[in-house]
C-alpha atoms as a PDB file:
ATOM      1  CA  MET A   1      67.494 144.827 121.961  1.00  0.00           C
ATOM      2  CA  SER A   2      65.213 147.963 121.647  1.00  0.00           C
ATOM      3  CA  ASP A   3      66.633 151.326 123.152  1.00  0.00           C
ATOM      4  CA  PHE A   4      69.619 149.297 124.210  1.00  0.00           C
ATOM      5  CA  SER A   5      72.450 151.479 125.243  1.00  0.00           C
ATOM      6  CA  GLN A   6      75.484 150.225 127.376  1.00  0.00           C
ATOM      7  CA  SER A   7      75.133 153.264 129.803  1.00  0.00           C
ATOM      8  CA  ASN A   8      71.630 152.192 130.896  1.00  0.00           C
ATOM      9  CA  ILE A   9      71.908 148.619 131.506  1.00  0.00           C
ATOM     10  CA  GLN A  10      72.393 147.041 134.953  1.00  0.00           C
ATOM     11  CA  ASN A  11      74.324 144.107 134.097  1.00  0.00           C
ATOM     12  CA  LEU A  12      77.936 144.534 135.240  1.00  0.00           C
ATOM     13  CA  LEU A  13      79.211 141.863 132.802  1.00  0.00           C
ATOM     14  CA  LEU A  14      77.856 143.868 130.017  1.00  0.00           C
ATOM     15  CA  ARG A  15      78.607 147.305 131.306  1.00  0.00           C
ATOM     16  CA  ALA A  16      82.362 146.220 131.459  1.00  0.00           C
ATOM     17  CA  LEU A  17      82.535 145.123 127.731  1.00  0.00           C
ATOM     18  CA  ALA A  18      84.340 147.305 125.145  1.00  0.00           C
ATOM     19  CA  PRO A  19      81.524 149.200 123.309  1.00  0.00           C
ATOM     20  CA  GLU A  20      82.646 147.272 120.175  1.00  0.00           C
ATOM     21  CA  ALA A  21      81.838 143.899 121.650  1.00  0.00           C
ATOM     22  CA  VAL A  22      78.403 145.243 122.932  1.00  0.00           C
ATOM     23  CA  ASP A  23      77.714 146.419 119.351  1.00  0.00           C
ATOM     24  CA  LEU A  24      78.282 142.769 118.209  1.00  0.00           C
ATOM     25  CA  LEU A  25      75.978 141.401 120.841  1.00  0.00           C
ATOM     26  CA  GLN A  26      73.404 144.083 120.573  1.00  0.00           C
ATOM     27  CA  ALA A  27      71.734 142.559 117.205  1.00  0.00           C
ATOM     28  CA  THR A  28      70.690 139.212 118.613  1.00  0.00           C
ATOM     29  CA  MET A  29      69.845 140.555 122.241  1.00  0.00           C
ATOM     30  CA  GLN A  30      66.219 140.767 123.394  1.00  0.00           C
ATOM     31  CA  PRO A  31      64.700 141.536 126.514  1.00  0.00           C
ATOM     32  CA  ARG A  32      62.606 138.750 128.328  1.00  0.00           C
ATOM     33  CA  ASP A  33      60.386 138.395 131.439  1.00  0.00           C
ATOM     34  CA  LEU A  34      60.972 134.995 132.657  1.00  0.00           C
ATOM     35  CA  PRO A  35      58.592 133.437 135.066  1.00  0.00           C
ATOM     36  CA  VAL A  36      59.401 131.998 138.521  1.00  0.00           C
ATOM     37  CA  GLN A  37      61.317 128.731 138.362  1.00  0.00           C
ATOM     38  CA  PHE A  38      62.269 129.153 134.613  1.00  0.00           C
ATOM     39  CA  GLU A  39      64.855 126.393 133.705  1.00  0.00           C
ATOM     40  CA  LEU A  40      67.515 128.237 131.840  1.00  0.00           C
ATOM     41  CA  VAL A  41      69.441 125.305 130.978  1.00  0.00           C
ATOM     42  CA  ALA A  42      68.029 121.904 130.825  1.00  0.00           C
ATOM     43  CA  PRO A  43      70.359 119.058 132.476  1.00  0.00           C
ATOM     44  CA  ASP A  44      72.522 117.105 129.814  1.00  0.00           C
ATOM     45  CA  ALA A  45      71.561 119.455 127.079  1.00  0.00           C
ATOM     46  CA  PRO A  46      73.570 121.962 124.986  1.00  0.00           C
ATOM     47  CA  SER A  47      72.499 125.645 125.691  1.00  0.00           C
ATOM     48  CA  GLU A  48      72.069 127.958 122.490  1.00  0.00           C
ATOM     49  CA  THR A  49      71.125 130.942 124.697  1.00  0.00           C
ATOM     50  CA  ALA A  50      72.973 133.228 127.136  1.00  0.00           C
ATOM     51  CA  TYR A  51      71.148 135.099 129.894  1.00  0.00           C
ATOM     52  CA  PHE A  52      72.308 138.241 131.131  1.00  0.00           C
ATOM     53  CA  LEU A  53      70.170 139.175 134.196  1.00  0.00           C
ATOM     54  CA  GLU A  54      69.101 142.642 134.603  1.00  0.00           C
ATOM     55  CA  SER A  55      66.931 142.056 137.870  1.00  0.00           C
ATOM     56  CA  GLY A  56      66.133 139.302 139.857  1.00  0.00           C
ATOM     57  CA  SER A  57      68.103 136.061 140.599  1.00  0.00           C
ATOM     58  CA  ALA A  58      69.044 132.511 139.477  1.00  0.00           C
ATOM     59  CA  SER A  59      70.615 129.492 141.015  1.00  0.00           C
ATOM     60  CA  ILE A  60      72.592 126.716 139.443  1.00  0.00           C
ATOM     61  CA  VAL A  61      72.124 123.135 140.958  1.00  0.00           C
ATOM     62  CA  ALA A  62      75.015 120.658 140.194  1.00  0.00           C
ATOM     63  CA  THR A  63      74.968 116.946 141.079  1.00  0.00           C
ATOM     64  CA  ASN A  64      77.156 114.053 140.712  1.00  0.00           C
ATOM     65  CA  SER A  65      77.113 110.523 141.889  1.00  0.00           C
ATOM     66  CA  ARG A  66      79.370 111.060 144.998  1.00  0.00           C
ATOM     67  CA  MET A  67      77.640 114.263 146.437  1.00  0.00           C
ATOM     68  CA  PRO A  68      74.162 115.633 147.118  1.00  0.00           C
ATOM     69  CA  SER A  69      73.390 118.674 144.735  1.00  0.00           C
ATOM     70  CA  VAL A  70      75.041 121.891 145.363  1.00  0.00           C
ATOM     71  CA  CYS A  71      73.115 125.109 144.761  1.00  0.00           C
ATOM     72  CA  SER A  72      74.983 128.337 143.709  1.00  0.00           C
ATOM     73  CA  ARG A  73      72.568 131.470 143.839  1.00  0.00           C
ATOM     74  CA  GLY A  74      73.415 134.728 142.120  1.00  0.00           C
ATOM     75  CA  GLY A  75      71.632 137.840 141.442  1.00  0.00           C
ATOM     76  CA  ALA A  76      71.600 140.901 139.133  1.00  0.00           C
ATOM     77  CA  ALA A  77      72.932 144.176 140.129  1.00  0.00           C
ATOM     78  CA  ALA A  78      70.668 146.548 141.598  1.00  0.00           C
END
């Protein structure tokens, strides 16, 4: 991630990591602008990417045969 410094990121999870852990992740991290309704993870498919939101929000929809869908929404720290 270009110009990446743990002190200037907004994501609370990344800010809470030990500096050594951030150093390990930094080599593979890259900023992305995601379009509205972008599908982060496809249903029944393995995910090979982790997303750490810096701004905006995301939701997780879970379904099963006994209940209607359940939606959980979360947003990035401001």
